Every structure is written in structure tokens, then in C-alpha cells.
Amino acid sequence: MAAVEINAKPLEIGGKRYKVKIVALDDKYNPAETRINVQRLVQQHKTAAVLVPHSGGVFAVQAFNEKSKVLLLAYTNLTQVTERGNKLTIRIPPDFIGYIMPFTKAMMAKHGTNVAMVQADHDYAKAWSAAFKPVWEAQGDKDQPELLDRACDRGGDETGGDHDRCRGDSRADGKGLHDAPAGEQPERYRWPG
């Protein structure tokens, strides 16, 4: 985070010198915790800027950062973050849409046109899936069955997948992917382990 380097030669803005201090708080990837942590940083440390590395936390902070006059450094690819018009938000990485076609071409070249989507239930996963699916279908097998297209999550948070909750997902024939005897499941669709 370059605080030592910046502080070695004082940062000057408008004739006033500033020092950079890093205060790290763990939000456990939970937007409610993010909100609490940022409010705490503003009240206790007079924080001028916060870095939030996930969209749920970014959206939670956008609810009050302009009123609190805290600059939000949003480390997320979701364009909705900047489309909201929040004047104290800077989205750091580029839009992920630019990654989809190179990713699709690389994966198809290496693995073929079949894909199974296991979607999580957070903003980034939903946005990626909505953008990725039509690009993949346009480049590959349009008759590819939807295999695992419902959210596999732990109660709607952004922590990842609980695979046991996905066991009832359906195949093209309407049966659960794991309901068929192992010999009847195509190898590429078999659940690991």
C-alpha cells in the first residue's frame, strides 16, 4: 500500500501536508460489517478514504459515504458502482465485460465448447453470469443443457458454495444431476468425489 514511501516525502495537497496511515479492519466479506467498519474508521480515525474490495460492501458504503464525506475506493468490476452517480466513489479495476471474449476463446481452445455454470448468489456472480452466458452460447454449442444454473451459496452471502445445496439441480431431462446412477451421468457432468 506504499504508505512508507508516500510518507518519506510528505504528500502535499493545496499547500497542506498529509501523512498516509493504513488502518485495517476485517469485514468478514459481509456488507453489514463493512458499513460498521467504515463508520468506525470515519468517527474514530477521521478517515478520508476507504478501500473496499467487494461489491456488497461497496454498495453498503455508498448509502452514506457522500454524507460522511469519505472517498470510497471501490475494488470491484461492477459498473453499477459508478453508474449510481456517487461523486465520492472511484471504481479501481476495469469493467469485467472486456475479459469475457478472451476468456471464452481461451477456454474453448483448451477445453471445447461445453460449460457448466455453478452460480453463486452475490452481485458479481450474477452480473458475470448474465454477461458470460450469451457470449459463450454465441461462440459455442447453443444446445448445451443448463446444468447447474441456480445459486449454490450459504444463505445469500458472498462466501462461496455449499455444494450439498446444489445436489438437486436439474439436467436437461428434468432429473437432478445427482439422481441418476453414476454410470448414466456423462463424465464431464459427474460431481467430483
N, C-alpha and C. Protein backbone atom coordinates (compact mmCIF):
# COMPACT_ATOMS: atom_id res chain seq x y z
N MET A 1 0.81 -1.20 0.00
CA MET A 1 0.00 0.00 0.00
C MET A 1 0.86 1.27 0.00
N ALA A 2 2.14 1.20 -0.04
CA ALA A 2 3.06 2.34 -0.27
C ALA A 2 2.98 3.46 0.75
N ALA A 3 2.42 3.24 1.92
CA ALA A 3 2.33 4.31 2.93
C ALA A 3 3.71 4.79 3.35
N VAL A 4 4.65 3.88 3.53
CA VAL A 4 6.00 4.26 3.96
C VAL A 4 6.66 5.15 2.90
N GLU A 5 6.53 4.75 1.64
CA GLU A 5 7.13 5.52 0.55
C GLU A 5 6.50 6.91 0.43
N ILE A 6 5.19 6.98 0.55
CA ILE A 6 4.50 8.27 0.44
C ILE A 6 4.88 9.17 1.61
N ASN A 7 4.93 8.60 2.81
CA ASN A 7 5.25 9.40 3.99
C ASN A 7 6.71 9.83 4.04
N ALA A 8 7.60 9.14 3.30
CA ALA A 8 9.01 9.53 3.27
C ALA A 8 9.18 10.91 2.64
N LYS A 9 8.34 11.21 1.68
CA LYS A 9 8.32 12.54 1.05
C LYS A 9 6.88 13.03 1.25
N PRO A 10 6.64 13.89 2.23
CA PRO A 10 5.26 14.25 2.61
C PRO A 10 4.37 14.61 1.42
N LEU A 11 3.16 14.09 1.47
CA LEU A 11 2.14 14.36 0.47
C LEU A 11 1.59 15.75 0.71
N GLU A 12 1.59 16.57 -0.33
CA GLU A 12 1.10 17.94 -0.18
C GLU A 12 -0.06 18.16 -1.15
N ILE A 13 -1.17 18.61 -0.61
CA ILE A 13 -2.36 18.91 -1.41
C ILE A 13 -2.85 20.28 -1.00
N GLY A 14 -2.90 21.19 -1.95
CA GLY A 14 -3.38 22.55 -1.67
C GLY A 14 -2.56 23.25 -0.61
N GLY A 15 -1.26 23.00 -0.58
CA GLY A 15 -0.38 23.65 0.38
C GLY A 15 -0.39 23.03 1.76
N LYS A 16 -1.17 21.98 1.97
CA LYS A 16 -1.24 21.31 3.27
C LYS A 16 -0.60 19.93 3.16
N ARG A 17 0.23 19.57 4.15
CA ARG A 17 0.92 18.29 4.15
C ARG A 17 0.08 17.22 4.87
N TYR A 18 0.13 16.03 4.29
CA TYR A 18 -0.62 14.90 4.85
C TYR A 18 0.29 13.68 4.99
N LYS A 19 -0.04 12.82 5.96
CA LYS A 19 0.60 11.52 6.10
C LYS A 19 -0.46 10.46 5.84
N VAL A 20 -0.03 9.36 5.26
CA VAL A 20 -0.92 8.25 5.00
C VAL A 20 -0.78 7.24 6.13
N LYS A 21 -1.92 6.81 6.69
CA LYS A 21 -1.93 5.81 7.74
C LYS A 21 -2.89 4.70 7.32
N ILE A 22 -2.42 3.47 7.34
CA ILE A 22 -3.25 2.33 6.99
C ILE A 22 -3.86 1.76 8.26
N VAL A 23 -5.20 1.67 8.30
CA VAL A 23 -5.92 1.03 9.40
C VAL A 23 -6.75 -0.08 8.77
N ALA A 24 -6.43 -1.31 9.10
CA ALA A 24 -7.13 -2.46 8.50
C ALA A 24 -8.16 -3.03 9.47
N LEU A 25 -9.37 -3.21 8.99
CA LEU A 25 -10.44 -3.85 9.75
C LEU A 25 -11.03 -4.97 8.90
N ASP A 26 -11.35 -6.08 9.50
CA ASP A 26 -11.89 -7.23 8.78
C ASP A 26 -13.42 -7.15 8.77
N ASP A 27 -13.99 -7.09 7.57
CA ASP A 27 -15.45 -7.07 7.47
C ASP A 27 -16.03 -8.46 7.22
N LYS A 28 -15.17 -9.47 7.21
CA LYS A 28 -15.61 -10.86 7.02
C LYS A 28 -16.41 -11.03 5.73
N TYR A 29 -16.16 -10.15 4.77
CA TYR A 29 -16.84 -10.17 3.46
C TYR A 29 -18.36 -10.02 3.63
N ASN A 30 -18.73 -9.26 4.64
CA ASN A 30 -20.14 -9.08 4.99
C ASN A 30 -20.47 -7.59 4.88
N PRO A 31 -21.38 -7.21 3.97
CA PRO A 31 -21.70 -5.80 3.77
C PRO A 31 -22.11 -5.05 5.04
N ALA A 32 -22.84 -5.69 5.93
CA ALA A 32 -23.24 -5.02 7.18
C ALA A 32 -22.00 -4.69 8.02
N GLU A 33 -21.04 -5.62 8.07
CA GLU A 33 -19.78 -5.37 8.79
C GLU A 33 -18.97 -4.28 8.10
N THR A 34 -19.00 -4.25 6.78
CA THR A 34 -18.29 -3.20 6.04
C THR A 34 -18.80 -1.84 6.46
N ARG A 35 -20.11 -1.72 6.47
CA ARG A 35 -20.74 -0.44 6.85
C ARG A 35 -20.30 -0.01 8.26
N ILE A 36 -20.37 -0.93 9.20
CA ILE A 36 -19.98 -0.64 10.59
C ILE A 36 -18.50 -0.23 10.65
N ASN A 37 -17.64 -0.99 9.96
CA ASN A 37 -16.21 -0.69 9.98
C ASN A 37 -15.90 0.68 9.39
N VAL A 38 -16.54 1.03 8.29
CA VAL A 38 -16.27 2.33 7.67
C VAL A 38 -16.77 3.46 8.58
N GLN A 39 -17.94 3.30 9.18
CA GLN A 39 -18.44 4.31 10.11
C GLN A 39 -17.47 4.47 11.29
N ARG A 40 -16.96 3.36 11.77
CA ARG A 40 -15.98 3.39 12.87
C ARG A 40 -14.69 4.11 12.44
N LEU A 41 -14.21 3.82 11.23
CA LEU A 41 -13.00 4.49 10.73
C LEU A 41 -13.20 6.00 10.61
N VAL A 42 -14.36 6.40 10.12
CA VAL A 42 -14.64 7.83 9.97
C VAL A 42 -14.73 8.51 11.33
N GLN A 43 -15.44 7.90 12.27
CA GLN A 43 -15.63 8.50 13.60
C GLN A 43 -14.36 8.48 14.45
N GLN A 44 -13.65 7.35 14.48
CA GLN A 44 -12.50 7.22 15.37
C GLN A 44 -11.19 7.73 14.78
N HIS A 45 -11.04 7.63 13.47
CA HIS A 45 -9.76 7.96 12.85
C HIS A 45 -9.85 9.14 11.87
N LYS A 46 -11.04 9.72 11.73
CA LYS A 46 -11.24 10.82 10.77
C LYS A 46 -10.75 10.43 9.38
N THR A 47 -11.09 9.21 9.00
CA THR A 47 -10.62 8.62 7.74
C THR A 47 -11.15 9.41 6.54
N ALA A 48 -10.26 9.69 5.62
CA ALA A 48 -10.62 10.44 4.41
C ALA A 48 -10.99 9.52 3.26
N ALA A 49 -10.40 8.31 3.23
CA ALA A 49 -10.65 7.38 2.13
C ALA A 49 -10.61 5.95 2.65
N VAL A 50 -11.48 5.10 2.09
CA VAL A 50 -11.51 3.69 2.45
C VAL A 50 -11.45 2.85 1.18
N LEU A 51 -10.76 1.72 1.27
CA LEU A 51 -10.70 0.75 0.18
C LEU A 51 -11.60 -0.41 0.56
N VAL A 52 -12.59 -0.70 -0.29
CA VAL A 52 -13.50 -1.82 -0.06
C VAL A 52 -13.38 -2.76 -1.26
N PRO A 53 -12.97 -4.03 -1.03
CA PRO A 53 -12.68 -4.93 -2.14
C PRO A 53 -13.81 -5.87 -2.57
N HIS A 54 -15.05 -5.55 -2.29
CA HIS A 54 -16.16 -6.39 -2.76
C HIS A 54 -17.42 -5.55 -2.96
N SER A 55 -18.18 -5.94 -3.96
CA SER A 55 -19.33 -5.12 -4.38
C SER A 55 -20.38 -4.96 -3.28
N GLY A 56 -20.67 -6.00 -2.52
CA GLY A 56 -21.66 -5.87 -1.45
C GLY A 56 -21.27 -4.80 -0.45
N GLY A 57 -20.01 -4.79 -0.07
CA GLY A 57 -19.51 -3.78 0.85
C GLY A 57 -19.51 -2.40 0.23
N VAL A 58 -19.17 -2.32 -1.05
CA VAL A 58 -19.18 -1.04 -1.76
C VAL A 58 -20.58 -0.45 -1.76
N PHE A 59 -21.58 -1.27 -2.10
CA PHE A 59 -22.95 -0.77 -2.13
C PHE A 59 -23.40 -0.32 -0.73
N ALA A 60 -22.99 -1.05 0.30
CA ALA A 60 -23.36 -0.67 1.67
C ALA A 60 -22.76 0.68 2.05
N VAL A 61 -21.52 0.92 1.66
CA VAL A 61 -20.85 2.18 1.99
C VAL A 61 -21.41 3.34 1.16
N GLN A 62 -21.80 3.05 -0.07
CA GLN A 62 -22.37 4.12 -0.91
C GLN A 62 -23.64 4.70 -0.33
N ALA A 63 -24.28 4.00 0.57
CA ALA A 63 -25.50 4.51 1.19
C ALA A 63 -25.23 5.74 2.07
N PHE A 64 -23.97 5.95 2.50
CA PHE A 64 -23.69 7.07 3.40
C PHE A 64 -22.37 7.80 3.14
N ASN A 65 -21.53 7.32 2.23
CA ASN A 65 -20.19 7.92 2.14
C ASN A 65 -20.19 9.38 1.68
N GLU A 66 -21.13 9.77 0.84
CA GLU A 66 -21.17 11.18 0.43
C GLU A 66 -21.53 12.08 1.62
N LYS A 67 -22.50 11.66 2.40
CA LYS A 67 -22.91 12.44 3.57
C LYS A 67 -21.76 12.51 4.59
N SER A 68 -21.02 11.41 4.73
CA SER A 68 -19.90 11.36 5.67
C SER A 68 -18.61 11.97 5.09
N LYS A 69 -18.67 12.32 3.82
CA LYS A 69 -17.51 12.92 3.13
C LYS A 69 -16.28 12.03 3.17
N VAL A 70 -16.50 10.74 2.89
CA VAL A 70 -15.38 9.79 2.83
C VAL A 70 -15.29 9.24 1.40
N LEU A 71 -14.09 9.30 0.84
CA LEU A 71 -13.84 8.80 -0.51
C LEU A 71 -13.84 7.27 -0.47
N LEU A 72 -14.62 6.67 -1.35
CA LEU A 72 -14.73 5.22 -1.43
C LEU A 72 -13.93 4.72 -2.62
N LEU A 73 -12.88 3.94 -2.34
CA LEU A 73 -12.08 3.31 -3.38
C LEU A 73 -12.66 1.90 -3.56
N ALA A 74 -13.44 1.73 -4.61
CA ALA A 74 -14.21 0.51 -4.81
C ALA A 74 -13.44 -0.46 -5.70
N TYR A 75 -12.95 -1.55 -5.10
CA TYR A 75 -12.23 -2.55 -5.87
C TYR A 75 -13.22 -3.62 -6.32
N THR A 76 -13.95 -3.31 -7.37
CA THR A 76 -14.92 -4.22 -7.98
C THR A 76 -15.05 -3.87 -9.44
N ASN A 77 -15.36 -4.86 -10.25
CA ASN A 77 -15.54 -4.64 -11.69
C ASN A 77 -16.95 -4.21 -12.04
N LEU A 78 -17.87 -4.25 -11.10
CA LEU A 78 -19.27 -3.97 -11.42
C LEU A 78 -19.47 -2.50 -11.79
N THR A 79 -19.98 -2.28 -12.98
CA THR A 79 -20.20 -0.91 -13.45
C THR A 79 -21.32 -0.21 -12.68
N GLN A 80 -22.23 -0.97 -12.06
CA GLN A 80 -23.32 -0.37 -11.29
C GLN A 80 -22.77 0.55 -10.20
N VAL A 81 -21.57 0.25 -9.72
CA VAL A 81 -20.96 1.04 -8.66
C VAL A 81 -20.78 2.49 -9.11
N THR A 82 -20.29 2.70 -10.32
CA THR A 82 -20.09 4.06 -10.81
C THR A 82 -21.33 4.61 -11.51
N GLU A 83 -22.19 3.75 -11.99
CA GLU A 83 -23.42 4.20 -12.65
C GLU A 83 -24.39 4.85 -11.67
N ARG A 84 -24.22 4.62 -10.39
CA ARG A 84 -25.09 5.21 -9.37
C ARG A 84 -24.88 6.71 -9.21
N GLY A 85 -23.77 7.22 -9.76
CA GLY A 85 -23.53 8.66 -9.70
C GLY A 85 -23.00 9.16 -8.37
N ASN A 86 -22.50 8.28 -7.52
CA ASN A 86 -21.93 8.68 -6.24
C ASN A 86 -20.63 9.43 -6.52
N LYS A 87 -20.58 10.69 -6.17
CA LYS A 87 -19.45 11.56 -6.51
C LYS A 87 -18.19 11.28 -5.69
N LEU A 88 -18.31 10.49 -4.64
CA LEU A 88 -17.14 10.15 -3.82
C LEU A 88 -16.79 8.67 -3.94
N THR A 89 -17.03 8.10 -5.11
CA THR A 89 -16.67 6.71 -5.38
C THR A 89 -15.76 6.65 -6.59
N ILE A 90 -14.66 5.92 -6.43
CA ILE A 90 -13.76 5.64 -7.56
C ILE A 90 -13.70 4.13 -7.70
N ARG A 91 -14.10 3.63 -8.87
CA ARG A 91 -14.02 2.19 -9.14
C ARG A 91 -12.64 1.93 -9.72
N ILE A 92 -11.86 1.07 -9.07
CA ILE A 92 -10.47 0.87 -9.44
C ILE A 92 -10.27 -0.06 -10.65
N PRO A 93 -10.72 -1.31 -10.64
CA PRO A 93 -10.45 -2.15 -11.81
C PRO A 93 -11.38 -1.84 -12.97
N PRO A 94 -10.99 -2.24 -14.17
CA PRO A 94 -11.85 -2.01 -15.33
C PRO A 94 -13.07 -2.94 -15.30
N ASP A 95 -14.03 -2.63 -16.13
CA ASP A 95 -15.24 -3.43 -16.30
C ASP A 95 -14.85 -4.84 -16.75
N PHE A 96 -15.43 -5.87 -16.15
CA PHE A 96 -15.08 -7.24 -16.49
C PHE A 96 -15.58 -7.67 -17.87
N ILE A 97 -16.48 -6.93 -18.47
CA ILE A 97 -17.02 -7.29 -19.78
C ILE A 97 -15.89 -7.50 -20.79
N GLY A 98 -14.84 -6.72 -20.69
CA GLY A 98 -13.71 -6.86 -21.60
C GLY A 98 -12.96 -8.17 -21.47
N TYR A 99 -13.13 -8.88 -20.35
CA TYR A 99 -12.44 -10.15 -20.14
C TYR A 99 -13.20 -11.34 -20.74
N ILE A 100 -14.48 -11.18 -20.98
CA ILE A 100 -15.32 -12.33 -21.33
C ILE A 100 -14.91 -12.98 -22.65
N MET A 101 -14.74 -12.21 -23.71
CA MET A 101 -14.41 -12.82 -25.00
C MET A 101 -13.03 -13.48 -24.97
N PRO A 102 -11.97 -12.84 -24.45
CA PRO A 102 -10.69 -13.55 -24.40
C PRO A 102 -10.76 -14.82 -23.54
N PHE A 103 -11.48 -14.76 -22.42
CA PHE A 103 -11.64 -15.93 -21.56
C PHE A 103 -12.36 -17.03 -22.32
N THR A 104 -13.46 -16.69 -22.99
CA THR A 104 -14.24 -17.66 -23.74
C THR A 104 -13.39 -18.33 -24.81
N LYS A 105 -12.67 -17.54 -25.58
CA LYS A 105 -11.83 -18.10 -26.65
C LYS A 105 -10.74 -19.00 -26.08
N ALA A 106 -10.10 -18.58 -25.00
CA ALA A 106 -9.03 -19.39 -24.40
C ALA A 106 -9.58 -20.71 -23.85
N MET A 107 -10.72 -20.66 -23.17
CA MET A 107 -11.28 -21.88 -22.59
C MET A 107 -11.79 -22.83 -23.67
N MET A 108 -12.42 -22.29 -24.72
CA MET A 108 -12.90 -23.15 -25.80
C MET A 108 -11.73 -23.78 -26.54
N ALA A 109 -10.67 -23.04 -26.75
CA ALA A 109 -9.49 -23.59 -27.43
C ALA A 109 -8.88 -24.72 -26.61
N LYS A 110 -8.89 -24.58 -25.30
CA LYS A 110 -8.26 -25.57 -24.44
C LYS A 110 -9.19 -26.73 -24.07
N HIS A 111 -10.49 -26.43 -23.85
CA HIS A 111 -11.40 -27.43 -23.29
C HIS A 111 -12.61 -27.77 -24.16
N GLY A 112 -12.85 -27.08 -25.24
CA GLY A 112 -14.03 -27.34 -26.06
C GLY A 112 -15.18 -26.41 -25.71
N THR A 113 -16.36 -26.72 -26.25
CA THR A 113 -17.49 -25.79 -26.14
C THR A 113 -18.45 -26.08 -24.99
N ASN A 114 -18.25 -27.16 -24.26
CA ASN A 114 -19.15 -27.48 -23.15
C ASN A 114 -18.78 -26.70 -21.90
N VAL A 115 -19.80 -26.21 -21.22
CA VAL A 115 -19.57 -25.49 -19.98
C VAL A 115 -20.74 -25.75 -19.03
N ALA A 116 -20.44 -25.81 -17.75
CA ALA A 116 -21.47 -25.89 -16.72
C ALA A 116 -21.31 -24.66 -15.84
N MET A 117 -22.40 -23.97 -15.60
CA MET A 117 -22.34 -22.77 -14.77
C MET A 117 -22.84 -23.09 -13.37
N VAL A 118 -22.00 -22.90 -12.39
CA VAL A 118 -22.40 -23.02 -10.99
C VAL A 118 -22.36 -21.60 -10.46
N GLN A 119 -23.51 -21.01 -10.30
CA GLN A 119 -23.60 -19.59 -9.98
C GLN A 119 -23.76 -19.35 -8.49
N ALA A 120 -22.97 -18.45 -7.98
CA ALA A 120 -23.13 -18.02 -6.59
C ALA A 120 -24.24 -16.96 -6.53
N ASP A 121 -24.59 -16.55 -5.33
CA ASP A 121 -25.73 -15.66 -5.15
C ASP A 121 -25.29 -14.28 -4.68
N HIS A 122 -24.25 -13.71 -5.31
CA HIS A 122 -23.84 -12.35 -4.97
C HIS A 122 -23.79 -11.52 -6.25
N ASP A 123 -23.71 -10.22 -6.10
CA ASP A 123 -23.84 -9.31 -7.23
C ASP A 123 -22.86 -9.59 -8.36
N TYR A 124 -21.60 -9.81 -8.03
CA TYR A 124 -20.60 -10.05 -9.06
C TYR A 124 -20.92 -11.32 -9.85
N ALA A 125 -21.27 -12.40 -9.15
CA ALA A 125 -21.57 -13.67 -9.82
C ALA A 125 -22.78 -13.53 -10.73
N LYS A 126 -23.80 -12.84 -10.27
CA LYS A 126 -25.00 -12.65 -11.10
C LYS A 126 -24.68 -11.83 -12.34
N ALA A 127 -23.91 -10.76 -12.17
CA ALA A 127 -23.55 -9.91 -13.31
C ALA A 127 -22.66 -10.67 -14.30
N TRP A 128 -21.67 -11.41 -13.78
CA TRP A 128 -20.78 -12.19 -14.65
C TRP A 128 -21.59 -13.22 -15.44
N SER A 129 -22.47 -13.95 -14.77
CA SER A 129 -23.26 -14.98 -15.44
C SER A 129 -24.14 -14.38 -16.53
N ALA A 130 -24.79 -13.27 -16.22
CA ALA A 130 -25.68 -12.62 -17.20
C ALA A 130 -24.91 -12.16 -18.43
N ALA A 131 -23.66 -11.73 -18.25
CA ALA A 131 -22.86 -11.27 -19.38
C ALA A 131 -22.15 -12.43 -20.08
N PHE A 132 -21.68 -13.42 -19.32
CA PHE A 132 -20.90 -14.52 -19.86
C PHE A 132 -21.72 -15.49 -20.71
N LYS A 133 -22.89 -15.87 -20.20
CA LYS A 133 -23.69 -16.91 -20.84
C LYS A 133 -23.99 -16.61 -22.31
N PRO A 134 -24.49 -15.43 -22.68
CA PRO A 134 -24.79 -15.19 -24.09
C PRO A 134 -23.54 -15.18 -24.98
N VAL A 135 -22.42 -14.73 -24.45
CA VAL A 135 -21.18 -14.72 -25.24
C VAL A 135 -20.74 -16.16 -25.50
N TRP A 136 -20.76 -17.00 -24.45
CA TRP A 136 -20.36 -18.40 -24.62
C TRP A 136 -21.28 -19.09 -25.62
N GLU A 137 -22.59 -18.88 -25.47
CA GLU A 137 -23.55 -19.53 -26.38
C GLU A 137 -23.36 -19.07 -27.81
N ALA A 138 -23.05 -17.80 -28.02
CA ALA A 138 -22.85 -17.29 -29.37
C ALA A 138 -21.60 -17.89 -30.02
N GLN A 139 -20.62 -18.25 -29.20
CA GLN A 139 -19.36 -18.80 -29.73
C GLN A 139 -19.35 -20.32 -29.81
N GLY A 140 -20.23 -20.97 -29.06
CA GLY A 140 -20.12 -22.42 -28.94
C GLY A 140 -21.40 -23.15 -29.21
N ASP A 141 -21.62 -24.18 -28.41
CA ASP A 141 -22.73 -25.11 -28.57
C ASP A 141 -24.01 -24.50 -28.01
N LYS A 142 -24.89 -24.06 -28.91
CA LYS A 142 -26.13 -23.40 -28.48
C LYS A 142 -27.11 -24.37 -27.84
N ASP A 143 -26.91 -25.68 -28.05
CA ASP A 143 -27.81 -26.67 -27.47
C ASP A 143 -27.28 -27.23 -26.15
N GLN A 144 -26.24 -26.61 -25.62
CA GLN A 144 -25.66 -27.05 -24.34
C GLN A 144 -26.73 -26.98 -23.25
N PRO A 145 -27.00 -28.07 -22.54
CA PRO A 145 -28.02 -28.00 -21.49
C PRO A 145 -27.54 -27.17 -20.30
N GLU A 146 -28.50 -26.53 -19.66
CA GLU A 146 -28.20 -25.83 -18.40
C GLU A 146 -28.04 -26.90 -17.35
N LEU A 147 -26.92 -26.93 -16.69
CA LEU A 147 -26.69 -27.96 -15.69
C LEU A 147 -26.90 -27.46 -14.28
N LEU A 148 -26.12 -26.50 -13.89
CA LEU A 148 -26.17 -26.01 -12.52
C LEU A 148 -26.39 -24.52 -12.56
N ASP A 149 -27.61 -24.10 -12.83
CA ASP A 149 -27.83 -22.68 -13.06
C ASP A 149 -28.53 -21.97 -11.91
N ARG A 150 -28.71 -22.64 -10.79
CA ARG A 150 -29.28 -21.92 -9.66
C ARG A 150 -28.18 -21.65 -8.64
N ALA A 151 -28.43 -20.72 -7.79
CA ALA A 151 -27.39 -20.29 -6.84
C ALA A 151 -27.03 -21.41 -5.87
N CYS A 152 -25.75 -21.58 -5.66
CA CYS A 152 -25.22 -22.52 -4.68
C CYS A 152 -24.46 -21.68 -3.67
N ASP A 153 -25.10 -21.34 -2.57
CA ASP A 153 -24.48 -20.41 -1.64
C ASP A 153 -24.76 -20.83 -0.21
N ARG A 154 -24.27 -20.03 0.69
CA ARG A 154 -24.54 -20.21 2.12
C ARG A 154 -25.40 -19.06 2.59
N GLY A 155 -26.66 -19.11 2.31
CA GLY A 155 -27.58 -18.12 2.84
C GLY A 155 -27.51 -16.75 2.18
N GLY A 156 -27.04 -16.66 0.94
CA GLY A 156 -27.07 -15.40 0.22
C GLY A 156 -25.89 -14.49 0.47
N ASP A 157 -24.90 -14.93 1.26
CA ASP A 157 -23.74 -14.06 1.44
C ASP A 157 -22.74 -14.31 0.31
N GLU A 158 -21.61 -13.65 0.36
CA GLU A 158 -20.65 -13.75 -0.73
C GLU A 158 -19.49 -14.68 -0.38
N THR A 159 -19.74 -15.70 0.44
CA THR A 159 -18.63 -16.52 0.92
C THR A 159 -18.35 -17.73 0.06
N GLY A 160 -19.18 -18.06 -0.90
CA GLY A 160 -18.85 -19.19 -1.75
C GLY A 160 -19.90 -20.26 -1.71
N GLY A 161 -19.53 -21.48 -2.10
CA GLY A 161 -20.51 -22.51 -2.33
C GLY A 161 -20.59 -23.58 -1.27
N ASP A 162 -21.79 -23.98 -0.97
CA ASP A 162 -22.06 -25.14 -0.14
C ASP A 162 -22.60 -26.17 -1.12
N HIS A 163 -21.74 -27.06 -1.58
CA HIS A 163 -22.09 -27.94 -2.70
C HIS A 163 -23.25 -28.87 -2.40
N ASP A 164 -23.49 -29.20 -1.14
CA ASP A 164 -24.61 -30.08 -0.83
C ASP A 164 -25.94 -29.45 -1.21
N ARG A 165 -26.03 -28.12 -1.21
CA ARG A 165 -27.29 -27.47 -1.58
C ARG A 165 -27.52 -27.52 -3.08
N CYS A 166 -26.53 -27.94 -3.86
CA CYS A 166 -26.66 -27.99 -5.32
C CYS A 166 -27.08 -29.36 -5.80
N ARG A 167 -27.18 -30.32 -4.93
CA ARG A 167 -27.39 -31.70 -5.36
C ARG A 167 -28.72 -31.92 -6.08
N GLY A 168 -29.68 -31.02 -5.92
CA GLY A 168 -30.95 -31.20 -6.59
C GLY A 168 -31.05 -30.47 -7.91
N ASP A 169 -29.98 -29.85 -8.37
CA ASP A 169 -30.04 -29.12 -9.62
C ASP A 169 -30.38 -30.04 -10.77
N SER A 170 -31.03 -29.48 -11.79
CA SER A 170 -31.60 -30.33 -12.82
C SER A 170 -30.72 -30.42 -14.06
N ARG A 171 -30.93 -31.53 -14.76
CA ARG A 171 -30.31 -31.74 -16.06
C ARG A 171 -31.33 -31.37 -17.12
N ALA A 172 -30.95 -31.52 -18.35
CA ALA A 172 -31.85 -31.19 -19.46
C ALA A 172 -33.12 -32.05 -19.41
N ASP A 173 -33.03 -33.29 -18.87
CA ASP A 173 -34.19 -34.17 -18.83
C ASP A 173 -35.07 -33.93 -17.61
N GLY A 174 -34.74 -32.93 -16.79
CA GLY A 174 -35.55 -32.60 -15.63
C GLY A 174 -35.19 -33.35 -14.37
N LYS A 175 -34.33 -34.35 -14.47
CA LYS A 175 -33.90 -35.09 -13.29
C LYS A 175 -32.75 -34.35 -12.64
N GLY A 176 -32.60 -34.58 -11.34
CA GLY A 176 -31.47 -33.99 -10.65
C GLY A 176 -30.17 -34.57 -11.18
N LEU A 177 -29.16 -33.75 -11.28
CA LEU A 177 -27.86 -34.17 -11.80
C LEU A 177 -27.33 -35.37 -11.03
N HIS A 178 -27.59 -35.41 -9.72
CA HIS A 178 -27.06 -36.48 -8.89
C HIS A 178 -28.08 -37.59 -8.64
N ASP A 179 -29.28 -37.47 -9.26
CA ASP A 179 -30.29 -38.51 -9.08
C ASP A 179 -30.00 -39.72 -9.95
N ALA A 180 -29.34 -39.53 -11.07
CA ALA A 180 -29.07 -40.62 -11.99
C ALA A 180 -27.94 -41.49 -11.45
N PRO A 181 -28.00 -42.78 -11.72
CA PRO A 181 -26.88 -43.64 -11.33
C PRO A 181 -25.59 -43.13 -11.98
N ALA A 182 -24.47 -43.32 -11.31
CA ALA A 182 -23.19 -42.79 -11.79
C ALA A 182 -22.90 -43.18 -13.22
N GLY A 183 -23.24 -44.39 -13.61
CA GLY A 183 -22.95 -44.83 -14.98
C GLY A 183 -23.74 -44.07 -16.03
N GLU A 184 -24.86 -43.46 -15.65
CA GLU A 184 -25.68 -42.72 -16.60
C GLU A 184 -25.31 -41.25 -16.70
N GLN A 185 -24.44 -40.79 -15.82
CA GLN A 185 -24.02 -39.39 -15.87
C GLN A 185 -22.86 -39.26 -16.84
N PRO A 186 -22.95 -38.36 -17.82
CA PRO A 186 -21.79 -38.16 -18.69
C PRO A 186 -20.59 -37.76 -17.83
N GLU A 187 -19.41 -38.25 -18.17
CA GLU A 187 -18.20 -38.00 -17.37
C GLU A 187 -18.00 -36.52 -17.08
N ARG A 188 -18.24 -35.65 -18.07
CA ARG A 188 -17.96 -34.22 -17.87
C ARG A 188 -18.93 -33.58 -16.88
N TYR A 189 -20.04 -34.27 -16.52
CA TYR A 189 -21.01 -33.70 -15.61
C TYR A 189 -20.95 -34.33 -14.22
N ARG A 190 -20.10 -35.32 -14.02
CA ARG A 190 -20.07 -36.00 -12.74
C ARG A 190 -19.51 -35.11 -11.64
N TRP A 191 -20.13 -35.22 -10.49
CA TRP A 191 -19.69 -34.44 -9.32
C TRP A 191 -18.39 -35.02 -8.81
N PRO A 192 -17.40 -34.19 -8.54
CA PRO A 192 -16.14 -34.73 -8.04
C PRO A 192 -16.33 -35.38 -6.68
N GLY A 193 -15.60 -36.48 -6.43
CA GLY A 193 -15.63 -37.15 -5.13
C GLY A 193 -16.85 -37.98 -5.00
